[in-house]
Amino acid sequence: MKKDCKKCDIIKKNNDTMREQAARIVELKKQVNNLCVELEEYKKKEKQIIQVLAFAKEKAEEIIQDAKIKYALECQRLRLYRNKWMRYIKDKNREGKLAADIEKTNEVLKECQSQLEDMLYTDLGIDKSVVDSYIYERERIDAEPALNYKAIIEQNLKLEEDDEEDFDGEDKITDEELEKMLEKLRM
């Protein structure tokens, strides 16, 4: 009977070991399932991230393209604006009024300056050190060389005459020219 007992003990040990291993297998299967679920979640997030990055890249390219078009159109508007002002200056200079208008504007600005200075000294009661530093700066700026407006106007008119050969007199860009510009920018 003792042999039977030893055999029973071995069977009992084997049964206990198998139960432990079965429990461990069940536990590992649960862990594998949990890890598979987490892996699927990470794959979904990865797909979302890829989509977001693709959208961001597409949006960035679109913004760059829009900026190029706006830049080209703004350059065109500035060219037209410059041409209008150059024609205005040329017309005023023919009448001899431009230099006179500039001098008149300068006189009005000097009068405004003196009125503002009087207001600073009398009405606002500004500290003497502030007034002294203001006067110093004003004299320093006034001592700088003044612009020769007549020479500037003549130089710009000469440049404008040179540009007139290239200018066809139109202030608007045609739709065809605009389309060509846009096509160049898109490339």
N, C-alpha and C. Protein backbone atom coordinates (compact mmCIF):
# COMPACT_ATOMS: atom_id res chain seq x y z
N MET A 1 0.79 -1.18 0.00
CA MET A 1 0.00 0.00 0.00
C MET A 1 0.84 1.26 0.00
N LYS A 2 1.97 1.06 0.55
CA LYS A 2 2.84 2.20 0.54
C LYS A 2 3.19 2.61 -0.88
N LYS A 3 3.34 1.61 -1.74
CA LYS A 3 3.64 1.92 -3.12
C LYS A 3 2.50 2.73 -3.70
N ASP A 4 1.33 2.36 -3.35
CA ASP A 4 0.16 3.07 -3.84
C ASP A 4 0.19 4.52 -3.36
N CYS A 5 0.60 4.74 -2.19
CA CYS A 5 0.65 6.09 -1.64
C CYS A 5 1.69 6.93 -2.35
N LYS A 6 2.83 6.30 -2.63
CA LYS A 6 3.86 7.05 -3.37
C LYS A 6 3.34 7.41 -4.74
N LYS A 7 2.65 6.49 -5.35
CA LYS A 7 2.09 6.74 -6.67
C LYS A 7 1.04 7.84 -6.59
N CYS A 8 0.26 7.79 -5.51
CA CYS A 8 -0.76 8.83 -5.31
C CYS A 8 -0.12 10.20 -5.13
N ASP A 9 0.97 10.23 -4.40
CA ASP A 9 1.67 11.51 -4.18
C ASP A 9 2.22 12.06 -5.50
N ILE A 10 2.75 11.20 -6.31
CA ILE A 10 3.30 11.62 -7.61
C ILE A 10 2.17 12.13 -8.49
N ILE A 11 1.06 11.40 -8.50
CA ILE A 11 -0.08 11.83 -9.31
C ILE A 11 -0.62 13.17 -8.79
N LYS A 12 -0.67 13.27 -7.47
CA LYS A 12 -1.14 14.52 -6.87
C LYS A 12 -0.23 15.67 -7.23
N LYS A 13 1.08 15.46 -7.15
CA LYS A 13 2.05 16.50 -7.52
C LYS A 13 1.90 16.87 -8.99
N ASN A 14 1.76 15.84 -9.81
CA ASN A 14 1.59 16.11 -11.25
C ASN A 14 0.30 16.90 -11.51
N ASN A 15 -0.76 16.51 -10.82
CA ASN A 15 -2.02 17.24 -10.98
C ASN A 15 -1.89 18.70 -10.53
N ASP A 16 -1.21 18.90 -9.41
CA ASP A 16 -1.00 20.27 -8.92
C ASP A 16 -0.15 21.07 -9.91
N THR A 17 0.87 20.45 -10.42
CA THR A 17 1.74 21.12 -11.40
C THR A 17 0.96 21.47 -12.66
N MET A 18 0.13 20.52 -13.13
CA MET A 18 -0.67 20.77 -14.33
C MET A 18 -1.69 21.89 -14.09
N ARG A 19 -2.28 21.89 -12.89
CA ARG A 19 -3.21 22.98 -12.57
C ARG A 19 -2.50 24.33 -12.58
N GLU A 20 -1.33 24.39 -11.98
CA GLU A 20 -0.54 25.63 -11.96
C GLU A 20 -0.18 26.06 -13.38
N GLN A 21 0.24 25.09 -14.17
CA GLN A 21 0.61 25.41 -15.56
C GLN A 21 -0.62 25.85 -16.35
N ALA A 22 -1.76 25.18 -16.11
CA ALA A 22 -2.99 25.58 -16.80
C ALA A 22 -3.40 26.99 -16.40
N ALA A 23 -3.29 27.29 -15.11
CA ALA A 23 -3.61 28.65 -14.64
C ALA A 23 -2.65 29.67 -15.26
N ARG A 24 -1.38 29.31 -15.32
CA ARG A 24 -0.37 30.20 -15.93
C ARG A 24 -0.65 30.39 -17.42
N ILE A 25 -1.08 29.35 -18.12
CA ILE A 25 -1.41 29.43 -19.55
C ILE A 25 -2.60 30.38 -19.75
N VAL A 26 -3.62 30.23 -18.89
CA VAL A 26 -4.80 31.11 -18.97
C VAL A 26 -4.38 32.56 -18.74
N GLU A 27 -3.53 32.77 -17.75
CA GLU A 27 -3.03 34.11 -17.44
C GLU A 27 -2.24 34.70 -18.61
N LEU A 28 -1.39 33.91 -19.21
CA LEU A 28 -0.60 34.36 -20.37
C LEU A 28 -1.50 34.66 -21.58
N LYS A 29 -2.55 33.85 -21.77
CA LYS A 29 -3.48 34.10 -22.88
C LYS A 29 -4.19 35.44 -22.68
N LYS A 30 -4.60 35.72 -21.43
CA LYS A 30 -5.24 37.01 -21.14
C LYS A 30 -4.27 38.16 -21.43
N GLN A 31 -3.04 37.96 -21.01
CA GLN A 31 -2.01 38.99 -21.24
C GLN A 31 -1.79 39.20 -22.73
N VAL A 32 -1.73 38.12 -23.50
CA VAL A 32 -1.55 38.21 -24.96
C VAL A 32 -2.73 38.96 -25.57
N ASN A 33 -3.95 38.62 -25.13
CA ASN A 33 -5.14 39.32 -25.65
C ASN A 33 -5.10 40.81 -25.33
N ASN A 34 -4.73 41.16 -24.11
CA ASN A 34 -4.61 42.58 -23.73
C ASN A 34 -3.57 43.29 -24.58
N LEU A 35 -2.46 42.64 -24.79
CA LEU A 35 -1.40 43.24 -25.62
C LEU A 35 -1.86 43.39 -27.07
N CYS A 36 -2.63 42.43 -27.58
CA CYS A 36 -3.16 42.54 -28.94
C CYS A 36 -4.11 43.73 -29.06
N VAL A 37 -4.94 43.93 -28.06
CA VAL A 37 -5.87 45.07 -28.05
C VAL A 37 -5.07 46.38 -28.04
N GLU A 38 -4.06 46.48 -27.19
CA GLU A 38 -3.22 47.68 -27.13
C GLU A 38 -2.51 47.92 -28.46
N LEU A 39 -2.02 46.83 -29.08
CA LEU A 39 -1.34 46.95 -30.37
C LEU A 39 -2.30 47.51 -31.42
N GLU A 40 -3.53 47.05 -31.44
CA GLU A 40 -4.52 47.56 -32.40
C GLU A 40 -4.80 49.04 -32.15
N GLU A 41 -4.87 49.45 -30.89
CA GLU A 41 -5.08 50.86 -30.57
C GLU A 41 -3.91 51.70 -31.08
N TYR A 42 -2.69 51.21 -30.89
CA TYR A 42 -1.50 51.93 -31.37
C TYR A 42 -1.50 52.02 -32.90
N LYS A 43 -1.94 50.97 -33.55
CA LYS A 43 -2.00 51.00 -35.02
C LYS A 43 -3.02 52.02 -35.50
N LYS A 44 -4.17 52.13 -34.80
CA LYS A 44 -5.18 53.13 -35.15
C LYS A 44 -4.62 54.53 -34.96
N LYS A 45 -3.93 54.73 -33.82
CA LYS A 45 -3.32 56.04 -33.57
C LYS A 45 -2.26 56.36 -34.62
N GLU A 46 -1.49 55.37 -35.02
CA GLU A 46 -0.46 55.57 -36.04
C GLU A 46 -1.10 56.03 -37.35
N LYS A 47 -2.23 55.39 -37.73
CA LYS A 47 -2.92 55.79 -38.95
C LYS A 47 -3.43 57.22 -38.86
N GLN A 48 -3.95 57.59 -37.68
CA GLN A 48 -4.43 58.95 -37.48
C GLN A 48 -3.28 59.94 -37.59
N ILE A 49 -2.17 59.61 -37.01
CA ILE A 49 -1.00 60.50 -37.06
C ILE A 49 -0.52 60.66 -38.50
N ILE A 50 -0.49 59.59 -39.24
CA ILE A 50 -0.08 59.66 -40.65
C ILE A 50 -1.03 60.55 -41.43
N GLN A 51 -2.34 60.42 -41.17
CA GLN A 51 -3.33 61.25 -41.86
C GLN A 51 -3.15 62.72 -41.49
N VAL A 52 -2.92 62.98 -40.21
CA VAL A 52 -2.73 64.37 -39.76
C VAL A 52 -1.48 64.97 -40.39
N LEU A 53 -0.41 64.21 -40.44
CA LEU A 53 0.83 64.72 -41.05
C LEU A 53 0.65 64.98 -42.55
N ALA A 54 -0.06 64.09 -43.21
CA ALA A 54 -0.32 64.29 -44.65
C ALA A 54 -1.17 65.55 -44.86
N PHE A 55 -2.18 65.73 -44.02
CA PHE A 55 -3.02 66.92 -44.12
C PHE A 55 -2.21 68.19 -43.86
N ALA A 56 -1.35 68.14 -42.83
CA ALA A 56 -0.52 69.30 -42.50
C ALA A 56 0.42 69.64 -43.66
N LYS A 57 1.01 68.64 -44.27
CA LYS A 57 1.92 68.87 -45.39
C LYS A 57 1.17 69.48 -46.57
N GLU A 58 -0.01 68.95 -46.85
CA GLU A 58 -0.84 69.47 -47.95
C GLU A 58 -1.25 70.92 -47.67
N LYS A 59 -1.63 71.19 -46.42
CA LYS A 59 -2.04 72.54 -46.04
C LYS A 59 -0.86 73.51 -46.15
N ALA A 60 0.33 73.06 -45.73
CA ALA A 60 1.52 73.91 -45.82
C ALA A 60 1.83 74.26 -47.27
N GLU A 61 1.73 73.27 -48.16
CA GLU A 61 1.97 73.53 -49.58
C GLU A 61 0.94 74.51 -50.14
N GLU A 62 -0.30 74.36 -49.70
CA GLU A 62 -1.36 75.26 -50.14
C GLU A 62 -1.10 76.69 -49.65
N ILE A 63 -0.66 76.83 -48.42
CA ILE A 63 -0.36 78.15 -47.86
C ILE A 63 0.81 78.78 -48.61
N ILE A 64 1.82 77.99 -48.90
CA ILE A 64 2.98 78.52 -49.65
C ILE A 64 2.55 78.97 -51.03
N GLN A 65 1.72 78.18 -51.68
CA GLN A 65 1.23 78.53 -53.03
C GLN A 65 0.42 79.83 -52.98
N ASP A 66 -0.47 79.94 -51.99
CA ASP A 66 -1.27 81.16 -51.84
C ASP A 66 -0.37 82.37 -51.58
N ALA A 67 0.66 82.18 -50.76
CA ALA A 67 1.58 83.27 -50.45
C ALA A 67 2.32 83.73 -51.71
N LYS A 68 2.72 82.79 -52.55
CA LYS A 68 3.42 83.15 -53.79
C LYS A 68 2.50 83.96 -54.70
N ILE A 69 1.25 83.53 -54.79
CA ILE A 69 0.29 84.25 -55.64
C ILE A 69 0.04 85.65 -55.09
N LYS A 70 -0.17 85.75 -53.77
CA LYS A 70 -0.40 87.06 -53.15
C LYS A 70 0.81 87.96 -53.33
N TYR A 71 2.00 87.38 -53.22
CA TYR A 71 3.22 88.16 -53.40
C TYR A 71 3.29 88.71 -54.82
N ALA A 72 3.01 87.88 -55.80
CA ALA A 72 3.07 88.32 -57.19
C ALA A 72 2.03 89.41 -57.45
N LEU A 73 0.83 89.22 -56.92
CA LEU A 73 -0.21 90.23 -57.12
C LEU A 73 0.13 91.54 -56.41
N GLU A 74 0.71 91.43 -55.23
CA GLU A 74 1.10 92.64 -54.50
C GLU A 74 2.22 93.38 -55.24
N CYS A 75 3.14 92.65 -55.83
CA CYS A 75 4.19 93.27 -56.63
C CYS A 75 3.58 94.02 -57.81
N GLN A 76 2.59 93.41 -58.42
CA GLN A 76 1.90 94.06 -59.55
C GLN A 76 1.20 95.33 -59.08
N ARG A 77 0.50 95.26 -57.94
CA ARG A 77 -0.19 96.44 -57.43
C ARG A 77 0.80 97.55 -57.09
N LEU A 78 1.95 97.18 -56.51
CA LEU A 78 2.95 98.19 -56.18
C LEU A 78 3.52 98.85 -57.43
N ARG A 79 3.71 98.06 -58.48
CA ARG A 79 4.21 98.63 -59.73
C ARG A 79 3.21 99.63 -60.29
N LEU A 80 1.94 99.27 -60.27
CA LEU A 80 0.90 100.19 -60.76
C LEU A 80 0.83 101.44 -59.90
N TYR A 81 0.93 101.27 -58.59
CA TYR A 81 0.90 102.41 -57.67
C TYR A 81 2.08 103.35 -57.93
N ARG A 82 3.25 102.78 -58.13
CA ARG A 82 4.44 103.59 -58.41
C ARG A 82 4.26 104.35 -59.72
N ASN A 83 3.75 103.67 -60.75
CA ASN A 83 3.55 104.35 -62.04
C ASN A 83 2.58 105.52 -61.92
N LYS A 84 1.53 105.34 -61.15
CA LYS A 84 0.57 106.44 -60.96
C LYS A 84 1.22 107.63 -60.28
N TRP A 85 2.00 107.33 -59.20
CA TRP A 85 2.66 108.43 -58.51
C TRP A 85 3.72 109.10 -59.38
N MET A 86 4.43 108.34 -60.15
CA MET A 86 5.44 108.94 -61.02
C MET A 86 4.79 109.84 -62.06
N ARG A 87 3.63 109.43 -62.61
CA ARG A 87 2.91 110.30 -63.55
C ARG A 87 2.42 111.57 -62.85
N TYR A 88 1.96 111.42 -61.60
CA TYR A 88 1.50 112.58 -60.83
C TYR A 88 2.64 113.56 -60.61
N ILE A 89 3.80 113.03 -60.20
CA ILE A 89 4.97 113.89 -59.97
C ILE A 89 5.39 114.57 -61.26
N LYS A 90 5.37 113.82 -62.35
CA LYS A 90 5.77 114.38 -63.64
C LYS A 90 4.83 115.52 -64.03
N ASP A 91 3.51 115.31 -63.86
CA ASP A 91 2.53 116.36 -64.18
C ASP A 91 2.73 117.57 -63.29
N LYS A 92 2.92 117.37 -62.01
CA LYS A 92 3.11 118.48 -61.08
C LYS A 92 4.41 119.22 -61.39
N ASN A 93 5.45 118.48 -61.77
CA ASN A 93 6.72 119.12 -62.06
C ASN A 93 6.62 119.96 -63.33
N ARG A 94 5.84 119.50 -64.30
CA ARG A 94 5.65 120.30 -65.51
C ARG A 94 5.03 121.65 -65.19
N GLU A 95 4.10 121.62 -64.22
CA GLU A 95 3.45 122.87 -63.83
C GLU A 95 4.32 123.66 -62.86
N GLY A 96 5.42 123.08 -62.40
CA GLY A 96 6.31 123.78 -61.48
C GLY A 96 5.75 123.84 -60.06
N LYS A 97 4.78 123.02 -59.77
CA LYS A 97 4.13 123.10 -58.47
C LYS A 97 4.70 122.12 -57.45
N LEU A 98 5.37 121.09 -57.89
CA LEU A 98 5.79 120.06 -56.97
C LEU A 98 6.76 120.58 -55.92
N ALA A 99 7.79 121.25 -56.34
CA ALA A 99 8.77 121.79 -55.38
C ALA A 99 8.10 122.81 -54.46
N ALA A 100 7.19 123.62 -55.03
CA ALA A 100 6.49 124.61 -54.21
C ALA A 100 5.59 123.90 -53.18
N ASP A 101 4.93 122.81 -53.60
CA ASP A 101 4.08 122.06 -52.67
C ASP A 101 4.92 121.45 -51.55
N ILE A 102 6.10 120.96 -51.89
CA ILE A 102 6.98 120.36 -50.88
C ILE A 102 7.44 121.43 -49.89
N GLU A 103 7.81 122.59 -50.39
CA GLU A 103 8.24 123.68 -49.50
C GLU A 103 7.09 124.15 -48.63
N LYS A 104 5.89 124.24 -49.19
CA LYS A 104 4.72 124.67 -48.42
C LYS A 104 4.44 123.65 -47.31
N THR A 105 4.52 122.38 -47.63
CA THR A 105 4.32 121.33 -46.63
C THR A 105 5.36 121.43 -45.53
N ASN A 106 6.60 121.68 -45.91
CA ASN A 106 7.69 121.83 -44.94
C ASN A 106 7.42 122.99 -43.99
N GLU A 107 6.95 124.11 -44.53
CA GLU A 107 6.63 125.28 -43.70
C GLU A 107 5.50 124.97 -42.71
N VAL A 108 4.47 124.27 -43.19
CA VAL A 108 3.35 123.91 -42.30
C VAL A 108 3.84 122.98 -41.19
N LEU A 109 4.70 122.04 -41.53
CA LEU A 109 5.24 121.13 -40.52
C LEU A 109 6.09 121.87 -39.49
N LYS A 110 6.88 122.85 -39.93
CA LYS A 110 7.67 123.63 -38.99
C LYS A 110 6.78 124.43 -38.05
N GLU A 111 5.68 124.98 -38.59
CA GLU A 111 4.74 125.73 -37.77
C GLU A 111 4.09 124.80 -36.73
N CYS A 112 3.72 123.61 -37.16
CA CYS A 112 3.15 122.62 -36.23
C CYS A 112 4.16 122.27 -35.14
N GLN A 113 5.41 122.14 -35.53
CA GLN A 113 6.46 121.81 -34.58
C GLN A 113 6.57 122.91 -33.52
N SER A 114 6.59 124.15 -33.94
CA SER A 114 6.74 125.24 -32.97
C SER A 114 5.52 125.32 -32.05
N GLN A 115 4.31 125.07 -32.59
CA GLN A 115 3.11 125.08 -31.74
C GLN A 115 3.15 123.94 -30.72
N LEU A 116 3.60 122.78 -31.16
CA LEU A 116 3.71 121.65 -30.23
C LEU A 116 4.76 121.91 -29.15
N GLU A 117 5.86 122.52 -29.54
CA GLU A 117 6.90 122.84 -28.56
C GLU A 117 6.37 123.84 -27.53
N ASP A 118 5.66 124.87 -27.99
CA ASP A 118 5.07 125.84 -27.06
C ASP A 118 4.12 125.15 -26.10
N MET A 119 3.33 124.21 -26.61
CA MET A 119 2.40 123.47 -25.77
C MET A 119 3.16 122.63 -24.74
N LEU A 120 4.26 122.01 -25.15
CA LEU A 120 5.06 121.22 -24.23
C LEU A 120 5.59 122.08 -23.09
N TYR A 121 6.09 123.26 -23.43
CA TYR A 121 6.73 124.10 -22.42
C TYR A 121 5.71 124.75 -21.50
N THR A 122 4.62 125.24 -22.06
CA THR A 122 3.69 126.03 -21.27
C THR A 122 2.54 125.21 -20.70
N ASP A 123 1.82 124.47 -21.53
CA ASP A 123 0.60 123.81 -21.09
C ASP A 123 0.85 122.54 -20.27
N LEU A 124 1.84 121.77 -20.64
CA LEU A 124 2.04 120.48 -19.98
C LEU A 124 3.03 120.53 -18.82
N GLY A 125 3.79 121.59 -18.70
CA GLY A 125 4.74 121.72 -17.60
C GLY A 125 5.76 120.60 -17.57
N ILE A 126 6.38 120.32 -18.72
CA ILE A 126 7.37 119.25 -18.83
C ILE A 126 8.62 119.64 -18.04
N ASP A 127 9.27 118.64 -17.45
CA ASP A 127 10.49 118.83 -16.68
C ASP A 127 11.58 119.46 -17.54
N LYS A 128 12.40 120.32 -16.96
CA LYS A 128 13.43 121.06 -17.71
C LYS A 128 14.42 120.12 -18.37
N SER A 129 14.81 119.03 -17.69
CA SER A 129 15.79 118.11 -18.29
C SER A 129 15.23 117.44 -19.55
N VAL A 130 13.94 117.14 -19.54
CA VAL A 130 13.31 116.54 -20.71
C VAL A 130 13.28 117.55 -21.84
N VAL A 131 12.95 118.80 -21.53
CA VAL A 131 12.90 119.86 -22.53
C VAL A 131 14.30 120.06 -23.13
N ASP A 132 15.32 120.08 -22.26
CA ASP A 132 16.69 120.27 -22.74
C ASP A 132 17.12 119.13 -23.66
N SER A 133 16.80 117.88 -23.31
CA SER A 133 17.18 116.76 -24.17
C SER A 133 16.41 116.81 -25.49
N TYR A 134 15.17 117.25 -25.45
CA TYR A 134 14.38 117.40 -26.67
C TYR A 134 15.01 118.46 -27.58
N ILE A 135 15.36 119.58 -27.02
CA ILE A 135 15.96 120.67 -27.82
C ILE A 135 17.28 120.20 -28.41
N TYR A 136 18.09 119.49 -27.62
CA TYR A 136 19.35 118.97 -28.14
C TYR A 136 19.12 118.05 -29.33
N GLU A 137 18.18 117.12 -29.21
CA GLU A 137 17.88 116.19 -30.31
C GLU A 137 17.34 116.93 -31.53
N ARG A 138 16.46 117.91 -31.31
CA ARG A 138 15.90 118.67 -32.42
C ARG A 138 17.00 119.40 -33.19
N GLU A 139 17.91 120.03 -32.46
CA GLU A 139 19.00 120.76 -33.12
C GLU A 139 19.94 119.80 -33.84
N ARG A 140 20.17 118.62 -33.25
CA ARG A 140 21.02 117.63 -33.89
C ARG A 140 20.40 117.16 -35.20
N ILE A 141 19.10 116.91 -35.18
CA ILE A 141 18.40 116.46 -36.38
C ILE A 141 18.33 117.58 -37.41
N ASP A 142 18.06 118.80 -36.96
CA ASP A 142 17.99 119.94 -37.89
C ASP A 142 19.34 120.23 -38.52
N ALA A 143 20.44 119.87 -37.84
CA ALA A 143 21.78 120.13 -38.37
C ALA A 143 22.15 119.15 -39.48
N GLU A 144 21.39 118.06 -39.61
CA GLU A 144 21.68 117.10 -40.67
C GLU A 144 21.37 117.71 -42.03
N PRO A 145 22.06 117.28 -43.05
CA PRO A 145 21.83 117.87 -44.38
C PRO A 145 20.39 117.64 -44.84
N ALA A 146 19.84 118.65 -45.50
CA ALA A 146 18.47 118.56 -46.00
C ALA A 146 18.48 117.94 -47.40
N LEU A 147 17.38 117.38 -47.76
CA LEU A 147 17.26 116.78 -49.08
C LEU A 147 17.05 117.85 -50.14
N ASN A 148 17.66 117.61 -51.30
CA ASN A 148 17.46 118.50 -52.44
C ASN A 148 16.32 117.91 -53.27
N TYR A 149 15.12 118.41 -53.01
CA TYR A 149 13.94 117.82 -53.64
C TYR A 149 13.95 117.98 -55.16
N LYS A 150 14.43 119.12 -55.63
CA LYS A 150 14.45 119.35 -57.08
C LYS A 150 15.33 118.31 -57.77
N ALA A 151 16.50 118.03 -57.20
CA ALA A 151 17.40 117.04 -57.79
C ALA A 151 16.77 115.64 -57.75
N ILE A 152 16.10 115.33 -56.65
CA ILE A 152 15.45 114.02 -56.54
C ILE A 152 14.36 113.89 -57.58
N ILE A 153 13.56 114.93 -57.74
CA ILE A 153 12.46 114.91 -58.71
C ILE A 153 13.01 114.75 -60.12
N GLU A 154 14.05 115.52 -60.45
CA GLU A 154 14.63 115.44 -61.78
C GLU A 154 15.20 114.05 -62.04
N GLN A 155 15.85 113.47 -61.04
CA GLN A 155 16.41 112.13 -61.20
C GLN A 155 15.30 111.10 -61.41
N ASN A 156 14.23 111.20 -60.66
CA ASN A 156 13.11 110.27 -60.81
C ASN A 156 12.42 110.45 -62.16
N LEU A 157 12.33 111.70 -62.62
CA LEU A 157 11.71 111.94 -63.92
C LEU A 157 12.55 111.34 -65.03
N LYS A 158 13.87 111.45 -64.89
CA LYS A 158 14.76 110.85 -65.89
C LYS A 158 14.58 109.33 -65.89
N LEU A 159 14.51 108.74 -64.70
CA LEU A 159 14.28 107.30 -64.61
C LEU A 159 12.92 106.93 -65.19
N GLU A 160 11.93 107.76 -64.93
CA GLU A 160 10.58 107.51 -65.44
C GLU A 160 10.57 107.57 -66.97
N GLU A 161 11.29 108.52 -67.54
CA GLU A 161 11.35 108.62 -69.00
C GLU A 161 11.99 107.37 -69.58
N ASP A 162 13.01 106.85 -68.90
CA ASP A 162 13.64 105.61 -69.35
C ASP A 162 12.66 104.45 -69.25
N ASP A 163 11.84 104.44 -68.19
CA ASP A 163 10.86 103.38 -67.99
C ASP A 163 9.68 103.51 -68.94
N GLU A 164 9.41 104.72 -69.43
CA GLU A 164 8.26 104.95 -70.30
C GLU A 164 8.37 104.16 -71.60
N GLU A 165 9.59 103.91 -72.03
CA GLU A 165 9.77 103.14 -73.24
C GLU A 165 9.23 101.72 -73.05
N ASP A 166 9.38 101.20 -71.82
CA ASP A 166 8.87 99.86 -71.53
C ASP A 166 7.40 99.88 -71.15
N PHE A 167 6.89 101.02 -70.72
CA PHE A 167 5.51 101.11 -70.22
C PHE A 167 4.57 101.38 -71.38
N ASP A 168 3.50 100.57 -71.48
CA ASP A 168 2.58 100.72 -72.61
C ASP A 168 1.39 101.60 -72.28
N GLY A 169 1.33 102.21 -71.09
CA GLY A 169 0.27 103.14 -70.76
C GLY A 169 -0.91 102.50 -70.05
N GLU A 170 -0.95 101.20 -69.93
CA GLU A 170 -2.06 100.54 -69.26
C GLU A 170 -1.74 100.40 -67.78
N ASP A 171 -2.76 100.65 -66.93
CA ASP A 171 -2.58 100.52 -65.50
C ASP A 171 -3.11 99.20 -64.98
N LYS A 172 -3.65 98.37 -65.84
CA LYS A 172 -4.23 97.12 -65.41
C LYS A 172 -3.53 95.95 -66.09
N ILE A 173 -3.45 94.88 -65.36
CA ILE A 173 -2.87 93.67 -65.93
C ILE A 173 -4.02 92.89 -66.57
N THR A 174 -3.76 92.34 -67.73
CA THR A 174 -4.81 91.59 -68.41
C THR A 174 -4.98 90.23 -67.75
N ASP A 175 -6.14 89.63 -67.97
CA ASP A 175 -6.41 88.31 -67.41
C ASP A 175 -5.42 87.29 -67.95
N GLU A 176 -5.05 87.44 -69.19
CA GLU A 176 -4.10 86.51 -69.81
C GLU A 176 -2.73 86.61 -69.12
N GLU A 177 -2.27 87.84 -68.87
CA GLU A 177 -0.99 88.03 -68.19
C GLU A 177 -1.05 87.48 -66.77
N LEU A 178 -2.16 87.70 -66.10
CA LEU A 178 -2.33 87.19 -64.75
C LEU A 178 -2.29 85.66 -64.73
N GLU A 179 -2.95 85.04 -65.67
CA GLU A 179 -2.93 83.58 -65.75
C GLU A 179 -1.52 83.05 -65.99
N LYS A 180 -0.76 83.74 -66.85
CA LYS A 180 0.62 83.33 -67.09
C LYS A 180 1.46 83.42 -65.82
N MET A 181 1.25 84.53 -65.07
CA MET A 181 1.99 84.70 -63.81
C MET A 181 1.63 83.59 -62.83
N LEU A 182 0.37 83.28 -62.74
CA LEU A 182 -0.08 82.25 -61.80
C LEU A 182 0.47 80.88 -62.20
N GLU A 183 0.51 80.60 -63.49
CA GLU A 183 1.05 79.32 -63.96
C GLU A 183 2.54 79.21 -63.61
N LYS A 184 3.27 80.30 -63.76
CA LYS A 184 4.70 80.28 -63.41
C LYS A 184 4.89 80.02 -61.93
N LEU A 185 4.02 80.60 -61.11
CA LEU A 185 4.13 80.42 -59.67
C LEU A 185 3.77 79.00 -59.25
N ARG A 186 2.87 78.38 -59.94
CA ARG A 186 2.43 77.03 -59.57
C ARG A 186 3.48 75.98 -59.90
N MET A 187 4.40 76.30 -60.78
CA MET A 187 5.43 75.33 -61.17
C MET A 187 6.46 75.17 -60.13
